[in-house]
């Protein structure tokens, strides 16, 4: 029971950053769905700014050991992937 509770707490700690990554992901996916190559570049810029900006802010507020930076980037990449999947679901499935 205690292990299950620890797993639930660990998952719930990931939710706030998933929500923060969701906003640039949603904007990027909405722009990506437009026609034209210029829109794909704009979407890529939004996605890059969203991911790199949040990761930089998160790394600044942590101690700067290599292991902590690597783990922050790894966890943030997972959170960004979840946010991107939610944004894709929102734009393509629910908007129709």
C-alpha atoms as a PDB file:
ATOM      1  CA  UNK A   1       0.000   0.000   0.000  1.00  0.00           C
ATOM      2  CA  UNK A   2       2.821   2.370   0.860  1.00  0.00           C
ATOM      3  CA  UNK A   3       4.548   1.715  -2.471  1.00  0.00           C
ATOM      4  CA  UNK A   4       1.346   2.467  -4.364  1.00  0.00           C
ATOM      5  CA  UNK A   5       1.007   5.739  -2.483  1.00  0.00           C
ATOM      6  CA  UNK A   6       4.608   6.685  -3.356  1.00  0.00           C
ATOM      7  CA  UNK A   7       3.929   5.971  -7.033  1.00  0.00           C
ATOM      8  CA  UNK A   8       0.794   8.129  -6.997  1.00  0.00           C
ATOM      9  CA  UNK A   9       2.697  10.997  -5.334  1.00  0.00           C
ATOM     10  CA  UNK A  10       5.515  10.715  -7.909  1.00  0.00           C
ATOM     11  CA  UNK A  11       3.016  10.884 -10.785  1.00  0.00           C
ATOM     12  CA  UNK A  12       1.199  13.849  -9.253  1.00  0.00           C
ATOM     13  CA  UNK A  13       4.490  15.750  -8.987  1.00  0.00           C
ATOM     14  CA  UNK A  14       4.793  15.573 -12.780  1.00  0.00           C
ATOM     15  CA  UNK A  15       1.390  17.165 -13.457  1.00  0.00           C
ATOM     16  CA  UNK A  16       2.239  20.876 -12.905  1.00  0.00           C
ATOM     17  CA  UNK A  17       5.010  20.923 -15.497  1.00  0.00           C
ATOM     18  CA  UNK A  18       2.893  18.920 -17.912  1.00  0.00           C
ATOM     19  CA  UNK A  19       0.320  21.703 -17.663  1.00  0.00           C
ATOM     20  CA  UNK A  20       3.029  24.345 -18.181  1.00  0.00           C
ATOM     21  CA  UNK A  21       4.321  22.488 -21.267  1.00  0.00           C
ATOM     22  CA  UNK A  22       0.748  22.115 -22.533  1.00  0.00           C
ATOM     23  CA  UNK A  23       0.337  25.800 -23.436  1.00  0.00           C
ATOM     24  CA  UNK A  24       3.247  26.095 -25.939  1.00  0.00           C
ATOM     25  CA  UNK A  25       2.440  22.595 -27.199  1.00  0.00           C
ATOM     26  CA  UNK A  26      -1.145  23.577 -27.898  1.00  0.00           C
ATOM     27  CA  UNK A  27      -0.087  26.752 -29.694  1.00  0.00           C
ATOM     28  CA  UNK A  28       2.564  24.871 -31.680  1.00  0.00           C
ATOM     29  CA  UNK A  29       0.202  22.089 -32.747  1.00  0.00           C
ATOM     30  CA  UNK A  30      -2.536  24.570 -33.680  1.00  0.00           C
ATOM     31  CA  UNK A  31      -0.071  26.485 -35.873  1.00  0.00           C
ATOM     32  CA  UNK A  32       1.320  23.200 -37.283  1.00  0.00           C
ATOM     33  CA  UNK A  33      -2.151  22.223 -38.513  1.00  0.00           C
ATOM     34  CA  UNK A  34      -2.252  25.288 -40.780  1.00  0.00           C
ATOM     35  CA  UNK A  35      -1.155  24.929 -44.389  1.00  0.00           C
ATOM     36  CA  UNK A  36       2.217  26.105 -45.647  1.00  0.00           C
ATOM     37  CA  UNK A  37       5.861  25.660 -44.750  1.00  0.00           C
ATOM     38  CA  UNK A  38       6.120  28.969 -42.887  1.00  0.00           C
ATOM     39  CA  UNK A  39       3.559  27.712 -40.392  1.00  0.00           C
ATOM     40  CA  UNK A  40       5.660  24.623 -39.680  1.00  0.00           C
ATOM     41  CA  UNK A  41       8.661  26.833 -38.905  1.00  0.00           C
ATOM     42  CA  UNK A  42       6.552  28.976 -36.563  1.00  0.00           C
ATOM     43  CA  UNK A  43       5.232  25.843 -34.851  1.00  0.00           C
ATOM     44  CA  UNK A  44       8.775  24.539 -34.400  1.00  0.00           C
ATOM     45  CA  UNK A  45       9.810  27.844 -32.856  1.00  0.00           C
ATOM     46  CA  UNK A  46       6.893  27.741 -30.396  1.00  0.00           C
ATOM     47  CA  UNK A  47       7.697  24.166 -29.427  1.00  0.00           C
ATOM     48  CA  UNK A  48      11.407  24.928 -29.001  1.00  0.00           C
ATOM     49  CA  UNK A  49      10.765  28.075 -26.960  1.00  0.00           C
ATOM     50  CA  UNK A  50       8.284  26.224 -24.781  1.00  0.00           C
ATOM     51  CA  UNK A  51      10.554  23.273 -24.048  1.00  0.00           C
ATOM     52  CA  UNK A  52      13.861  25.118 -23.718  1.00  0.00           C
ATOM     53  CA  UNK A  53      12.368  27.998 -21.738  1.00  0.00           C
ATOM     54  CA  UNK A  54      10.787  25.812 -19.095  1.00  0.00           C
ATOM     55  CA  UNK A  55      13.851  23.557 -18.833  1.00  0.00           C
ATOM     56  CA  UNK A  56      16.170  26.561 -18.403  1.00  0.00           C
ATOM     57  CA  UNK A  57      13.989  28.029 -15.660  1.00  0.00           C
ATOM     58  CA  UNK A  58      13.784  24.648 -13.951  1.00  0.00           C
ATOM     59  CA  UNK A  59      17.566  24.122 -14.099  1.00  0.00           C
ATOM     60  CA  UNK A  60      18.240  27.628 -12.745  1.00  0.00           C
ATOM     61  CA  UNK A  61      16.179  26.905  -9.630  1.00  0.00           C
ATOM     62  CA  UNK A  62      17.985  23.628  -8.950  1.00  0.00           C
ATOM     63  CA  UNK A  63      21.546  22.951  -7.967  1.00  0.00           C
ATOM     64  CA  UNK A  64      23.748  22.631 -11.002  1.00  0.00           C
ATOM     65  CA  UNK A  65      25.296  19.196 -10.699  1.00  0.00           C
ATOM     66  CA  UNK A  66      25.461  17.231 -13.926  1.00  0.00           C
ATOM     67  CA  UNK A  67      23.245  14.441 -12.617  1.00  0.00           C
ATOM     68  CA  UNK A  68      20.496  16.874 -11.590  1.00  0.00           C
ATOM     69  CA  UNK A  69      20.619  18.681 -14.938  1.00  0.00           C
ATOM     70  CA  UNK A  70      20.492  15.388 -16.851  1.00  0.00           C
ATOM     71  CA  UNK A  71      17.587  14.095 -14.780  1.00  0.00           C
ATOM     72  CA  UNK A  72      15.739  17.408 -15.162  1.00  0.00           C
ATOM     73  CA  UNK A  73      16.115  17.293 -18.942  1.00  0.00           C
ATOM     74  CA  UNK A  74      15.019  13.650 -19.048  1.00  0.00           C
ATOM     75  CA  UNK A  75      11.932  14.157 -16.912  1.00  0.00           C
ATOM     76  CA  UNK A  76      11.097  17.377 -18.791  1.00  0.00           C
ATOM     77  CA  UNK A  77      11.333  15.557 -22.122  1.00  0.00           C
ATOM     78  CA  UNK A  78       8.827  12.989 -20.841  1.00  0.00           C
ATOM     79  CA  UNK A  79       6.521  15.719 -19.553  1.00  0.00           C
ATOM     80  CA  UNK A  80       6.800  17.599 -22.846  1.00  0.00           C
ATOM     81  CA  UNK A  81       5.910  14.431 -24.769  1.00  0.00           C
ATOM     82  CA  UNK A  82       2.801  13.945 -22.637  1.00  0.00           C
ATOM     83  CA  UNK A  83       1.819  17.602 -23.110  1.00  0.00           C
ATOM     84  CA  UNK A  84       2.397  17.307 -26.856  1.00  0.00           C
ATOM     85  CA  UNK A  85       0.182  14.224 -27.004  1.00  0.00           C
ATOM     86  CA  UNK A  86      -2.568  16.017 -25.062  1.00  0.00           C
ATOM     87  CA  UNK A  87      -2.278  19.065 -27.340  1.00  0.00           C
ATOM     88  CA  UNK A  88      -2.453  16.875 -30.434  1.00  0.00           C
ATOM     89  CA  UNK A  89      -5.539  15.168 -29.060  1.00  0.00           C
ATOM     90  CA  UNK A  90      -7.093  18.542 -28.319  1.00  0.00           C
ATOM     91  CA  UNK A  91      -6.357  20.102 -31.706  1.00  0.00           C
ATOM     92  CA  UNK A  92      -7.001  17.175 -34.018  1.00  0.00           C
ATOM     93  CA  UNK A  93      -9.627  15.077 -32.276  1.00  0.00           C
ATOM     94  CA  UNK A  94     -11.727  17.370 -30.142  1.00  0.00           C
ATOM     95  CA  UNK A  95     -11.700  20.401 -32.451  1.00  0.00           C
ATOM     96  CA  UNK A  96     -13.416  18.567 -35.321  1.00  0.00           C
END
